[in-house]
Amino acid sequence: MLEETNKKLLNKSLKGIVKSSVIIFFILLASNIVTYIYRLIIARYYGPEGYGLFSLAVMVVGIFTAIFSLGLTDGLSRFIPLYNGEKKSSKVKYLINYSLKILIITGLTGGIIMFFSSELIANKIFHENNLTDILKLFSLLVPITLLINIFVVSLVSFEKVVLQSFIYNLVPNISRVILITTFIILGFNFWAIFHSYFWSLFVLLLLSFIFYKRTIKFDSKDNLNYNGRKLVRSEMFNYSMPLILFALVIKTNTWIDSFAIGYFLNATEVGFYNSALPIATLLLLTPQIFLQLFVPLINKEFAKKNNHLIKQMGQQVGKWIYAVNLPIFILFFIFPEAIINILFGSEYIVAANSLRILSFGAFIYTLASSSEKLVLMAGKSRITLLNIVITSVIGIILNILLVPRLGIDGAAISTASIWIILSIFLFVEGYYYTKIIPLRRKMIRITAMGFISLGLLLLLRSFIKINILSLIVLSLTFFLVYCILLLISGSLDKNDWMVIKAIKGKAFGMRRSLKILTKKLNYLNFSKEKQ
């Protein structure tokens, strides 16, 4: 009986993940397309130096935001679903309101410190005088970003994943493209980059606050007594305080490569490197799609001690991530020059080898992304912090040794090494604390189908000259062959077919909705003409 109940819960959970994931996929796809349009405008219109200065400014804001977040946003993503699973709405409300007050104070403090240290950072660390005024403008983003994170994490924790994805991923990126185009036309020149980025986040703050207020309703008032509030604060800070360093070290892991290039080389080389890095990190998009709803679901089931269901969800999601990312990784590894040339221009092809190295590291890391969420679910934030500290120290050492000798390829080797080492840690720890490895045997069969598809791709490549059109045709052919092989090889299990049916149902549902909307619009137009 228990097994049958778990099966029904698994089906419901997987359907929930995939139904939201279908919509999120299209939102994130559109978001990434718009993001690359924005990056391409910067890279092509302002050149590698302008693109490099922009990357350095975003990096500095990220570091200050990590320091002054106090780890509270990560704590919220754990405790809101946990308290919701325990039906303790008053704790959730108090937790959010308390976090808002704290982060307003720390955000303003961090912004002021960044403003007055801008000249020191620009001249003494990066040797770029042009960076000073940019950092002063961007110091205003520290409190804005912290507030955005509170509202966005709250939406995700209440399982408003589609809404959060639309607001957080699509709206600011569309705003940036519109704003930078407008500012360029108005003659803002170089400053168009930074004003477009700044005002897009301001728009995001307003929208995230509005949707937070309208969509999240609490069942009860904040009626906790003194001891109840003290307990909530104690639980929150015991979990979150280690994550202050965790968030900072995460940013170190994220930006140490660009930091080292900016310190040892120059902003132009940062620009070259940041043509390869965002392409490679497209592989991280797949875990982002599936894990957004996976995280609150496993936290809720963890509160109910339903470990069997968590294991099944983790393995299935891990398989989906692998199956989607394998062909993407193959394309990045085989055609890096063509991809960079199409997106950023021939000037940036020097980063082709970096793209190969980064893609390999990112692909390995995506396999461990589910394990990372499982370790955090188990409340082992200190272990996760230790992982990041160790890999950050390794990354710093590798960048110091390799960037002066190998340039941007040295930075790529360092970053890929960090991802691979961190993945090993996460796999081991995920199994140790939860007895779950988010991998399935059928992934071996998926790998075989990927290599067969690769063989056909290499054969066709030897007969075709690579340009934009031929790369698109080859890629589509490769994906088509890969999907057909998955179907005929038995790589899909009953849960996969259930998901495919759910996607099909979702697609037909969207189609029916569009038809209904079209009929209504036609009726309204007809009524107006009649009047």
Protein backbone atom coordinates (compact mmCIF):
# COMPACT_ATOMS: atom_id res chain seq x y z
CA MET A 1 0.00 0.00 0.00
CA LEU A 2 2.82 2.38 0.93
CA GLU A 3 4.63 1.54 -2.31
CA GLU A 4 1.50 2.31 -4.34
CA THR A 5 1.07 5.63 -2.52
CA ASN A 6 4.70 6.55 -3.20
CA LYS A 7 4.24 5.65 -6.86
CA LYS A 8 1.26 8.00 -7.13
CA LEU A 9 3.20 10.75 -5.34
CA LEU A 10 6.19 10.22 -7.65
CA ASN A 11 3.99 10.48 -10.76
CA LYS A 12 2.34 13.60 -9.40
CA SER A 13 5.68 15.18 -8.47
CA LEU A 14 7.34 14.33 -11.80
CA LYS A 15 4.34 15.66 -13.71
CA GLY A 16 4.51 18.83 -11.63
CA ILE A 17 8.21 19.23 -12.37
CA VAL A 18 7.84 18.64 -16.08
CA LYS A 19 4.69 20.73 -16.56
CA SER A 20 6.36 23.72 -14.99
CA SER A 21 9.61 22.81 -16.78
CA VAL A 22 7.96 22.96 -20.23
CA ILE A 23 6.88 26.54 -19.66
CA ILE A 24 10.13 27.42 -17.88
CA PHE A 25 12.09 25.90 -20.77
CA PHE A 26 10.50 28.29 -23.26
CA ILE A 27 10.89 31.23 -20.86
CA LEU A 28 14.57 30.43 -20.25
CA LEU A 29 15.15 29.76 -23.95
CA ALA A 30 13.68 33.16 -24.82
CA SER A 31 15.60 34.73 -21.92
CA ASN A 32 18.92 33.28 -23.08
CA ILE A 33 18.31 34.37 -26.66
CA VAL A 34 17.61 37.92 -25.46
CA THR A 35 20.62 37.77 -23.09
CA TYR A 36 22.89 36.82 -25.96
CA ILE A 37 21.45 39.60 -28.11
CA TYR A 38 22.35 42.01 -25.29
CA ARG A 39 25.85 40.55 -24.94
CA LEU A 40 26.32 40.59 -28.70
CA ILE A 41 25.37 44.28 -28.88
CA ILE A 42 27.99 45.03 -26.21
CA ALA A 43 30.67 42.75 -27.68
CA ARG A 44 30.23 43.87 -31.29
CA TYR A 45 29.43 47.57 -30.75
CA TYR A 46 31.94 48.32 -27.96
CA GLY A 47 34.60 45.66 -28.62
CA PRO A 48 36.42 43.34 -26.20
CA GLU A 49 37.55 46.17 -23.90
CA GLY A 50 34.04 47.55 -23.35
CA TYR A 51 32.70 44.05 -22.87
CA GLY A 52 35.52 43.31 -20.42
CA LEU A 53 34.82 46.43 -18.31
CA PHE A 54 31.15 45.48 -18.14
CA SER A 55 32.07 41.95 -16.99
CA LEU A 56 34.39 43.31 -14.29
CA ALA A 57 31.71 45.69 -12.97
CA VAL A 58 29.11 42.91 -12.75
CA MET A 59 31.68 40.74 -10.96
CA VAL A 60 32.39 43.38 -8.28
CA VAL A 61 28.66 43.89 -7.63
CA GLY A 62 28.26 40.11 -7.29
CA ILE A 63 31.01 39.93 -4.66
CA PHE A 64 29.55 42.78 -2.57
CA THR A 65 26.07 41.28 -2.84
CA ALA A 66 27.35 37.90 -1.66
CA ILE A 67 29.07 39.42 1.38
CA PHE A 68 26.12 41.54 2.53
CA SER A 69 23.39 38.96 1.85
CA LEU A 70 24.40 37.21 5.13
CA GLY A 71 23.31 33.95 3.51
CA LEU A 72 19.68 34.82 4.31
CA THR A 73 18.29 34.22 0.81
CA ASP A 74 19.72 30.69 0.85
CA GLY A 75 18.20 30.18 4.28
CA LEU A 76 14.79 31.32 3.04
CA SER A 77 14.88 28.81 0.18
CA ARG A 78 15.24 26.05 2.79
CA PHE A 79 12.98 27.20 5.63
CA ILE A 80 9.97 28.57 3.72
CA PRO A 81 9.17 25.16 2.10
CA LEU A 82 10.06 23.43 5.38
CA TYR A 83 7.64 25.55 7.43
CA ASN A 84 5.01 25.30 4.71
CA GLY A 85 5.33 21.51 4.83
CA GLU A 86 4.76 21.71 8.59
CA LYS A 87 1.73 24.03 8.07
CA LYS A 88 3.36 26.84 10.08
CA SER A 89 2.36 29.92 8.06
CA SER A 90 3.05 32.37 10.90
CA LYS A 91 6.70 31.30 10.96
CA VAL A 92 6.99 31.87 7.20
CA LYS A 93 5.54 35.38 7.40
CA TYR A 94 7.77 36.39 10.28
CA LEU A 95 10.84 34.93 8.58
CA ILE A 96 10.29 36.88 5.35
CA ASN A 97 9.55 40.19 7.11
CA TYR A 98 12.54 39.82 9.42
CA SER A 99 14.87 39.02 6.49
CA LEU A 100 13.64 42.06 4.57
CA LYS A 101 14.50 44.41 7.45
CA ILE A 102 17.96 42.93 7.88
CA LEU A 103 18.84 43.01 4.16
CA ILE A 104 17.70 46.62 3.70
CA ILE A 105 20.25 47.64 6.34
CA THR A 106 23.08 45.41 5.06
CA GLY A 107 22.36 46.30 1.41
CA LEU A 108 22.65 50.04 2.04
CA THR A 109 25.84 49.47 4.04
CA GLY A 110 27.38 47.39 1.26
CA GLY A 111 26.44 49.94 -1.41
CA ILE A 112 28.06 52.79 0.52
CA ILE A 113 31.27 50.81 1.07
CA MET A 114 31.44 49.87 -2.62
CA PHE A 115 30.90 53.51 -3.68
CA PHE A 116 33.78 54.86 -1.62
CA SER A 117 36.14 51.99 -2.51
CA SER A 118 35.48 52.19 -6.27
CA GLU A 119 38.65 54.12 -7.12
CA LEU A 120 40.82 51.75 -5.10
CA ILE A 121 39.30 48.68 -6.79
CA ALA A 122 39.54 50.15 -10.29
CA ASN A 123 43.10 51.51 -10.11
CA LYS A 124 44.94 49.32 -7.63
CA ILE A 125 43.44 45.92 -8.48
CA PHE A 126 42.42 46.05 -12.15
CA HIS A 127 44.54 49.00 -13.32
CA GLU A 128 41.54 50.36 -15.26
CA ASN A 129 40.84 54.02 -14.47
CA ASN A 130 37.70 53.92 -16.67
CA LEU A 131 36.18 51.44 -14.24
CA THR A 132 35.91 53.92 -11.31
CA ASP A 133 32.75 55.81 -12.32
CA ILE A 134 31.12 52.57 -13.51
CA LEU A 135 31.60 50.98 -10.08
CA LYS A 136 30.16 54.06 -8.37
CA LEU A 137 26.99 53.79 -10.44
CA PHE A 138 26.77 50.05 -9.88
CA SER A 139 27.11 50.44 -6.09
CA LEU A 140 23.39 51.30 -6.10
CA LEU A 141 22.71 47.76 -7.31
CA VAL A 142 23.82 46.13 -4.05
CA PRO A 143 20.68 46.94 -2.00
CA ILE A 144 18.45 46.56 -5.09
CA THR A 145 19.79 43.06 -5.83
CA LEU A 146 19.36 41.89 -2.23
CA LEU A 147 15.72 42.97 -2.16
CA ILE A 148 15.08 41.31 -5.53
CA ASN A 149 16.53 38.06 -4.18
CA ILE A 150 14.13 38.07 -1.21
CA PHE A 151 11.04 38.40 -3.41
CA VAL A 152 12.27 35.94 -6.03
CA VAL A 153 13.24 33.25 -3.49
CA SER A 154 9.85 33.66 -1.81
CA LEU A 155 8.03 33.09 -5.12
CA VAL A 156 10.05 29.93 -5.82
CA SER A 157 9.59 28.63 -2.27
CA PHE A 158 5.82 28.99 -2.64
CA GLU A 159 6.13 26.97 -5.89
CA LYS A 160 5.33 29.98 -8.10
CA VAL A 161 8.16 28.80 -10.32
CA VAL A 162 6.73 29.80 -13.70
CA LEU A 163 5.91 33.31 -12.49
CA GLN A 164 9.35 33.68 -10.90
CA SER A 165 11.07 32.49 -14.05
CA PHE A 166 9.14 34.95 -16.20
CA ILE A 167 9.86 37.91 -13.90
CA TYR A 168 13.47 37.09 -13.05
CA ASN A 169 14.75 35.68 -16.34
CA LEU A 170 12.76 37.24 -19.15
CA VAL A 171 11.65 40.72 -18.10
CA PRO A 172 15.08 42.23 -17.17
CA ASN A 173 16.78 40.80 -20.26
CA ILE A 174 14.15 42.21 -22.61
CA SER A 175 14.41 45.53 -20.75
CA ARG A 176 18.18 45.59 -21.22
CA VAL A 177 17.98 45.08 -24.96
CA ILE A 178 15.32 47.77 -25.35
CA LEU A 179 17.20 50.19 -23.09
CA ILE A 180 20.67 49.71 -24.59
CA THR A 181 19.27 50.13 -28.11
CA THR A 182 17.43 53.29 -27.03
CA PHE A 183 20.48 54.73 -25.24
CA ILE A 184 22.74 54.04 -28.22
CA ILE A 185 20.29 55.85 -30.52
CA LEU A 186 20.18 58.76 -28.06
CA GLY A 187 23.98 58.99 -28.19
CA PHE A 188 24.90 57.65 -24.73
CA ASN A 189 27.86 55.85 -26.33
CA PHE A 190 29.84 53.75 -23.81
CA TRP A 191 27.50 54.53 -20.89
CA ALA A 192 24.57 52.88 -22.67
CA ILE A 193 25.86 49.52 -21.36
CA PHE A 194 25.78 50.45 -17.72
CA HIS A 195 22.59 52.51 -17.67
CA SER A 196 20.71 49.72 -19.47
CA TYR A 197 21.89 47.14 -16.92
CA PHE A 198 21.14 49.38 -13.95
CA TRP A 199 17.61 50.41 -14.95
CA SER A 200 16.64 46.87 -15.97
CA LEU A 201 17.30 45.71 -12.39
CA PHE A 202 15.27 48.62 -11.04
CA VAL A 203 12.34 47.47 -13.21
CA LEU A 204 12.86 43.91 -11.93
CA LEU A 205 12.72 45.13 -8.31
CA LEU A 206 9.36 46.83 -8.87
CA LEU A 207 7.83 43.86 -10.68
CA SER A 208 9.08 41.24 -8.22
CA PHE A 209 7.67 43.26 -5.31
CA ILE A 210 4.27 43.72 -7.02
CA PHE A 211 3.90 40.04 -7.88
CA TYR A 212 5.12 38.98 -4.44
CA LYS A 213 2.42 41.08 -2.76
CA ARG A 214 -0.31 39.92 -5.12
CA THR A 215 0.41 36.20 -5.34
CA ILE A 216 1.65 35.16 -1.89
CA LYS A 217 -1.04 35.04 0.75
CA PHE A 218 -0.58 33.88 4.33
CA ASP A 219 -3.14 31.75 6.14
CA SER A 220 -2.61 33.50 9.43
CA LYS A 221 -1.20 36.66 10.94
CA ASP A 222 2.29 36.90 12.39
CA ASN A 223 1.13 35.80 15.86
CA LEU A 224 4.35 34.20 17.09
CA ASN A 225 5.29 34.91 20.69
CA TYR A 226 8.77 36.00 21.77
CA ASN A 227 10.10 32.45 22.14
CA GLY A 228 8.66 31.44 18.76
CA ARG A 229 10.37 34.34 17.02
CA LYS A 230 13.61 33.65 18.84
CA LEU A 231 13.49 30.01 17.70
CA VAL A 232 12.88 31.02 14.06
CA ARG A 233 15.79 33.49 14.13
CA SER A 234 18.03 30.89 15.78
CA GLU A 235 17.20 28.21 13.18
CA MET A 236 17.64 30.68 10.34
CA PHE A 237 21.00 32.07 11.46
CA ASN A 238 22.43 28.69 12.46
CA TYR A 239 21.81 27.56 8.90
CA SER A 240 22.52 30.85 7.11
CA MET A 241 25.60 32.21 8.86
CA PRO A 242 27.94 29.59 7.35
CA LEU A 243 26.43 30.53 4.00
CA ILE A 244 27.78 34.10 4.24
CA LEU A 245 31.21 32.71 3.51
CA PHE A 246 29.55 30.13 1.26
CA ALA A 247 27.97 32.84 -0.92
CA LEU A 248 31.23 34.79 -1.04
CA VAL A 249 33.23 31.72 -1.97
CA ILE A 250 30.59 30.79 -4.58
CA LYS A 251 31.18 34.20 -6.15
CA THR A 252 34.92 33.60 -5.87
CA ASN A 253 34.47 30.33 -7.74
CA THR A 254 32.32 32.11 -10.31
CA TRP A 255 34.52 35.14 -10.87
CA ILE A 256 38.07 34.17 -9.87
CA ASP A 257 38.91 33.45 -13.51
CA SER A 258 37.75 36.88 -14.76
CA PHE A 259 39.35 38.49 -11.68
CA ALA A 260 42.71 36.84 -12.41
CA ILE A 261 42.56 37.80 -16.10
CA GLY A 262 41.73 41.40 -15.15
CA TYR A 263 44.55 41.51 -12.60
CA PHE A 264 47.31 39.75 -14.57
CA LEU A 265 46.26 40.78 -18.10
CA ASN A 266 43.70 43.45 -19.06
CA ALA A 267 40.00 44.19 -19.68
CA THR A 268 40.30 43.20 -23.35
CA GLU A 269 41.34 39.65 -22.41
CA VAL A 270 38.44 39.57 -19.92
CA GLY A 271 36.19 40.38 -22.88
CA PHE A 272 37.63 37.52 -24.96
CA TYR A 273 37.23 35.04 -22.10
CA ASN A 274 33.66 36.13 -21.42
CA SER A 275 32.67 35.20 -24.94
CA ALA A 276 33.46 31.53 -24.16
CA LEU A 277 32.23 31.40 -20.55
CA PRO A 278 28.53 32.28 -21.12
CA ILE A 279 28.33 29.79 -24.00
CA ALA A 280 29.71 26.98 -21.82
CA THR A 281 27.42 27.88 -18.93
CA LEU A 282 24.41 27.33 -21.19
CA LEU A 283 24.85 23.72 -20.05
CA LEU A 284 23.89 24.90 -16.56
CA LEU A 285 20.53 26.00 -17.94
CA THR A 286 19.17 22.44 -17.99
CA PRO A 287 19.61 21.84 -14.23
CA GLN A 288 18.13 25.27 -13.63
CA ILE A 289 15.01 24.26 -15.57
CA PHE A 290 14.40 20.99 -13.72
CA LEU A 291 15.69 21.85 -10.26
CA GLN A 292 13.62 25.00 -9.65
CA LEU A 293 10.57 23.00 -8.64
CA PHE A 294 12.60 19.94 -7.57
CA VAL A 295 14.12 21.85 -4.62
CA PRO A 296 10.89 22.89 -2.83
CA LEU A 297 9.38 19.45 -3.56
CA ILE A 298 12.23 17.49 -1.96
CA ASN A 299 12.34 19.87 1.01
CA LYS A 300 8.62 19.32 1.54
CA GLU A 301 9.00 15.51 1.29
CA PHE A 302 12.05 15.64 3.57
CA ALA A 303 9.86 17.22 6.26
CA LYS A 304 7.55 14.19 5.84
CA LYS A 305 10.57 11.79 5.93
CA ASN A 306 9.60 10.37 2.53
CA ASN A 307 13.13 9.39 1.48
CA HIS A 308 12.08 6.76 -1.08
CA LEU A 309 10.17 9.35 -3.11
CA ILE A 310 13.08 11.81 -2.89
CA LYS A 311 15.45 9.14 -4.25
CA GLN A 312 13.22 8.36 -7.23
CA MET A 313 12.75 12.03 -8.08
CA GLY A 314 16.50 12.69 -7.77
CA GLN A 315 17.46 9.83 -10.09
CA GLN A 316 14.85 10.71 -12.70
CA VAL A 317 15.77 14.40 -12.77
CA GLY A 318 19.48 13.48 -12.97
CA LYS A 319 18.76 11.31 -16.02
CA TRP A 320 16.81 14.09 -17.75
CA ILE A 321 19.62 16.59 -17.18
CA TYR A 322 22.17 14.19 -18.65
CA ALA A 323 20.05 13.28 -21.70
CA VAL A 324 19.42 16.93 -22.59
CA ASN A 325 22.98 18.17 -22.02
CA LEU A 326 24.94 15.40 -23.77
CA PRO A 327 24.24 16.52 -27.37
CA ILE A 328 24.71 20.21 -26.45
CA PHE A 329 28.13 19.46 -24.94
CA ILE A 330 29.15 17.51 -28.05
CA LEU A 331 28.30 20.45 -30.32
CA PHE A 332 30.21 22.91 -28.11
CA PHE A 333 33.25 20.63 -28.11
CA ILE A 334 33.27 19.92 -31.88
CA PHE A 335 32.39 23.38 -33.25
CA PRO A 336 33.72 26.03 -30.79
CA GLU A 337 35.21 28.30 -33.46
CA ALA A 338 32.03 28.37 -35.54
CA ILE A 339 29.80 28.99 -32.50
CA ILE A 340 31.92 31.87 -31.17
CA ASN A 341 32.24 33.40 -34.65
CA ILE A 342 28.47 33.30 -35.20
CA LEU A 343 27.66 34.80 -31.81
CA PHE A 344 30.49 37.24 -31.08
CA GLY A 345 32.43 37.69 -34.31
CA SER A 346 35.79 36.57 -35.68
CA GLU A 347 37.66 38.84 -33.25
CA TYR A 348 36.69 36.52 -30.38
CA ILE A 349 37.69 33.17 -31.97
CA VAL A 350 40.86 33.23 -29.84
CA ALA A 351 38.62 31.89 -27.04
CA ALA A 352 37.65 28.69 -28.95
CA ASN A 353 39.94 26.39 -26.98
CA SER A 354 38.71 27.95 -23.73
CA LEU A 355 35.16 27.07 -24.78
CA ARG A 356 36.12 23.40 -25.22
CA ILE A 357 37.73 23.25 -21.77
CA LEU A 358 34.91 25.11 -20.00
CA SER A 359 32.21 23.01 -21.69
CA PHE A 360 33.76 19.80 -20.41
CA GLY A 361 33.93 21.09 -16.84
CA ALA A 362 30.38 22.48 -16.95
CA PHE A 363 29.01 19.20 -18.34
CA ILE A 364 30.55 17.18 -15.49
CA TYR A 365 29.23 19.66 -12.92
CA THR A 366 25.64 19.40 -14.23
CA LEU A 367 25.70 15.68 -13.40
CA ALA A 368 26.25 16.54 -9.73
CA SER A 369 23.74 19.42 -9.57
CA SER A 370 21.01 17.19 -8.09
CA SER A 371 23.44 15.90 -5.43
CA GLU A 372 24.17 19.48 -4.40
CA LYS A 373 20.47 20.10 -3.74
CA LEU A 374 20.18 16.83 -1.82
CA VAL A 375 23.09 17.77 0.48
CA LEU A 376 21.49 21.16 1.20
CA MET A 377 18.12 19.44 1.74
CA ALA A 378 19.76 17.34 4.45
CA GLY A 379 20.78 20.57 6.19
CA LYS A 380 24.51 20.08 5.61
CA SER A 381 25.25 23.70 4.72
CA ARG A 382 28.58 23.59 6.56
CA ILE A 383 29.71 20.63 4.45
CA THR A 384 28.72 22.51 1.30
CA LEU A 385 30.64 25.52 2.57
CA LEU A 386 33.72 23.36 3.14
CA ASN A 387 33.45 22.05 -0.45
CA ILE A 388 33.37 25.55 -1.87
CA VAL A 389 36.20 26.79 0.35
CA ILE A 390 38.47 23.92 -0.72
CA THR A 391 37.69 24.28 -4.43
CA SER A 392 38.05 28.08 -4.22
CA VAL A 393 41.51 27.77 -2.70
CA ILE A 394 42.42 25.31 -5.47
CA GLY A 395 40.95 27.70 -8.06
CA ILE A 396 42.90 30.68 -6.74
CA ILE A 397 46.16 28.70 -6.78
CA LEU A 398 45.52 27.38 -10.30
CA ASN A 399 44.64 30.83 -11.64
CA ILE A 400 47.76 32.38 -10.12
CA LEU A 401 49.90 29.64 -11.67
CA LEU A 402 48.19 29.28 -15.06
CA VAL A 403 46.79 32.68 -16.14
CA PRO A 404 50.18 34.47 -16.42
CA ARG A 405 51.54 31.51 -18.45
CA LEU A 406 48.55 30.34 -20.52
CA GLY A 407 46.32 33.42 -20.57
CA ILE A 408 42.58 32.81 -20.91
CA ASP A 409 43.13 29.07 -21.51
CA GLY A 410 44.77 28.89 -18.09
CA ALA A 411 41.68 30.49 -16.57
CA ALA A 412 39.49 27.96 -18.41
CA ILE A 413 41.54 25.01 -17.09
CA SER A 414 41.26 26.41 -13.56
CA THR A 415 37.48 26.84 -13.74
CA ALA A 416 36.89 23.42 -15.31
CA SER A 417 39.07 21.82 -12.61
CA ILE A 418 37.00 23.50 -9.88
CA TRP A 419 33.75 22.18 -11.39
CA ILE A 420 35.09 18.63 -11.70
CA ILE A 421 36.55 18.47 -8.17
CA LEU A 422 33.36 19.94 -6.71
CA SER A 423 31.29 17.36 -8.58
CA ILE A 424 33.29 14.51 -7.05
CA PHE A 425 32.75 15.95 -3.56
CA LEU A 426 29.00 16.34 -4.14
CA PHE A 427 28.51 12.80 -5.46
CA VAL A 428 30.28 11.30 -2.45
CA GLU A 429 28.53 13.51 0.11
CA GLY A 430 25.12 13.15 -1.52
CA TYR A 431 25.39 9.40 -1.20
CA TYR A 432 26.82 9.54 2.33
CA TYR A 433 24.07 11.76 3.78
CA THR A 434 21.05 10.66 1.72
CA LYS A 435 22.07 7.29 0.20
CA ILE A 436 21.11 8.74 -3.18
CA ILE A 437 23.18 8.89 -6.36
CA PRO A 438 21.13 10.82 -8.97
CA LEU A 439 22.19 8.55 -11.84
CA ARG A 440 20.48 5.66 -13.62
CA ARG A 441 21.86 2.67 -15.54
CA LYS A 442 20.10 3.71 -18.71
CA MET A 443 22.42 6.74 -18.87
CA ILE A 444 25.03 4.30 -20.24
CA ARG A 445 22.70 3.55 -23.14
CA ILE A 446 22.08 7.27 -23.63
CA THR A 447 25.86 7.81 -23.81
CA ALA A 448 26.16 5.14 -26.51
CA MET A 449 23.44 6.82 -28.57
CA GLY A 450 25.27 10.13 -28.16
CA PHE A 451 28.51 8.67 -29.53
CA ILE A 452 26.73 7.05 -32.48
CA SER A 453 25.16 10.42 -33.29
CA LEU A 454 28.62 12.02 -32.93
CA GLY A 455 30.07 9.57 -35.46
CA LEU A 456 27.45 10.62 -38.03
CA LEU A 457 28.14 14.29 -37.22
CA LEU A 458 31.89 13.89 -37.82
CA LEU A 459 31.23 12.03 -41.07
CA LEU A 460 28.99 14.80 -42.39
CA ARG A 461 31.44 17.45 -41.21
CA SER A 462 34.18 16.00 -43.44
CA PHE A 463 32.02 16.67 -46.53
CA ILE A 464 30.52 20.06 -45.61
CA LYS A 465 32.16 23.46 -45.25
CA ILE A 466 31.19 25.00 -41.91
CA ASN A 467 29.25 28.28 -42.03
CA ILE A 468 26.15 29.60 -40.27
CA LEU A 469 23.67 27.73 -42.47
CA SER A 470 25.58 24.42 -42.55
CA LEU A 471 26.14 24.52 -38.76
CA ILE A 472 22.41 24.94 -38.18
CA VAL A 473 21.61 22.06 -40.57
CA LEU A 474 24.25 19.79 -39.01
CA SER A 475 23.04 20.61 -35.48
CA LEU A 476 19.40 19.91 -36.31
CA THR A 477 20.34 16.64 -38.04
CA PHE A 478 22.46 15.62 -35.06
CA PHE A 479 19.66 16.32 -32.55
CA LEU A 480 17.11 14.52 -34.71
CA VAL A 481 19.28 11.39 -35.03
CA TYR A 482 20.03 11.47 -31.30
CA CYS A 483 16.32 11.66 -30.38
CA ILE A 484 15.40 8.85 -32.79
CA LEU A 485 18.14 6.64 -31.36
CA LEU A 486 16.91 7.30 -27.82
CA LEU A 487 13.43 6.19 -28.85
CA ILE A 488 14.41 3.00 -30.68
CA SER A 489 17.15 1.93 -28.24
CA GLY A 490 14.87 1.63 -25.21
CA SER A 491 16.71 4.42 -23.37
CA LEU A 492 13.39 5.77 -22.09
CA ASP A 493 11.54 4.15 -19.17
CA LYS A 494 7.90 4.39 -18.07
CA ASN A 495 8.52 7.61 -16.15
CA ASP A 496 10.02 9.20 -19.28
CA TRP A 497 6.96 8.22 -21.33
CA MET A 498 4.72 9.63 -18.66
CA VAL A 499 6.64 12.89 -18.90
CA ILE A 500 6.45 12.93 -22.72
CA LYS A 501 2.68 12.49 -22.47
CA ALA A 502 2.54 15.31 -19.94
CA ILE A 503 4.54 17.57 -22.29
CA LYS A 504 2.26 16.61 -25.16
CA GLY A 505 -0.79 17.38 -23.05
CA LYS A 506 0.71 20.69 -22.01
CA ALA A 507 1.48 21.60 -25.62
CA PHE A 508 -2.06 20.76 -26.76
CA GLY A 509 -3.42 22.68 -23.79
CA MET A 510 -1.43 25.75 -24.83
CA ARG A 511 -2.66 25.27 -28.40
CA ARG A 512 -6.29 25.10 -27.25
CA SER A 513 -5.79 28.22 -25.12
CA LEU A 514 -4.39 30.11 -28.11
CA LYS A 515 -7.36 29.05 -30.24
CA ILE A 516 -9.81 30.23 -27.59
CA LEU A 517 -7.92 33.52 -27.24
CA THR A 518 -7.93 34.01 -31.02
CA LYS A 519 -11.71 33.41 -31.19
CA LYS A 520 -12.29 35.92 -28.41
CA LEU A 521 -10.15 38.54 -30.13
CA ASN A 522 -11.92 37.95 -33.44
CA TYR A 523 -15.29 38.28 -31.70
CA LEU A 524 -14.23 41.56 -30.07
CA ASN A 525 -12.98 42.93 -33.39
CA PHE A 526 -16.23 41.89 -35.08
CA SER A 527 -18.29 43.56 -32.34
CA LYS A 528 -16.30 46.80 -32.69
CA GLU A 529 -16.75 46.84 -36.46
CA LYS A 530 -20.47 46.21 -36.04
CA GLN A 531 -20.75 49.15 -33.66
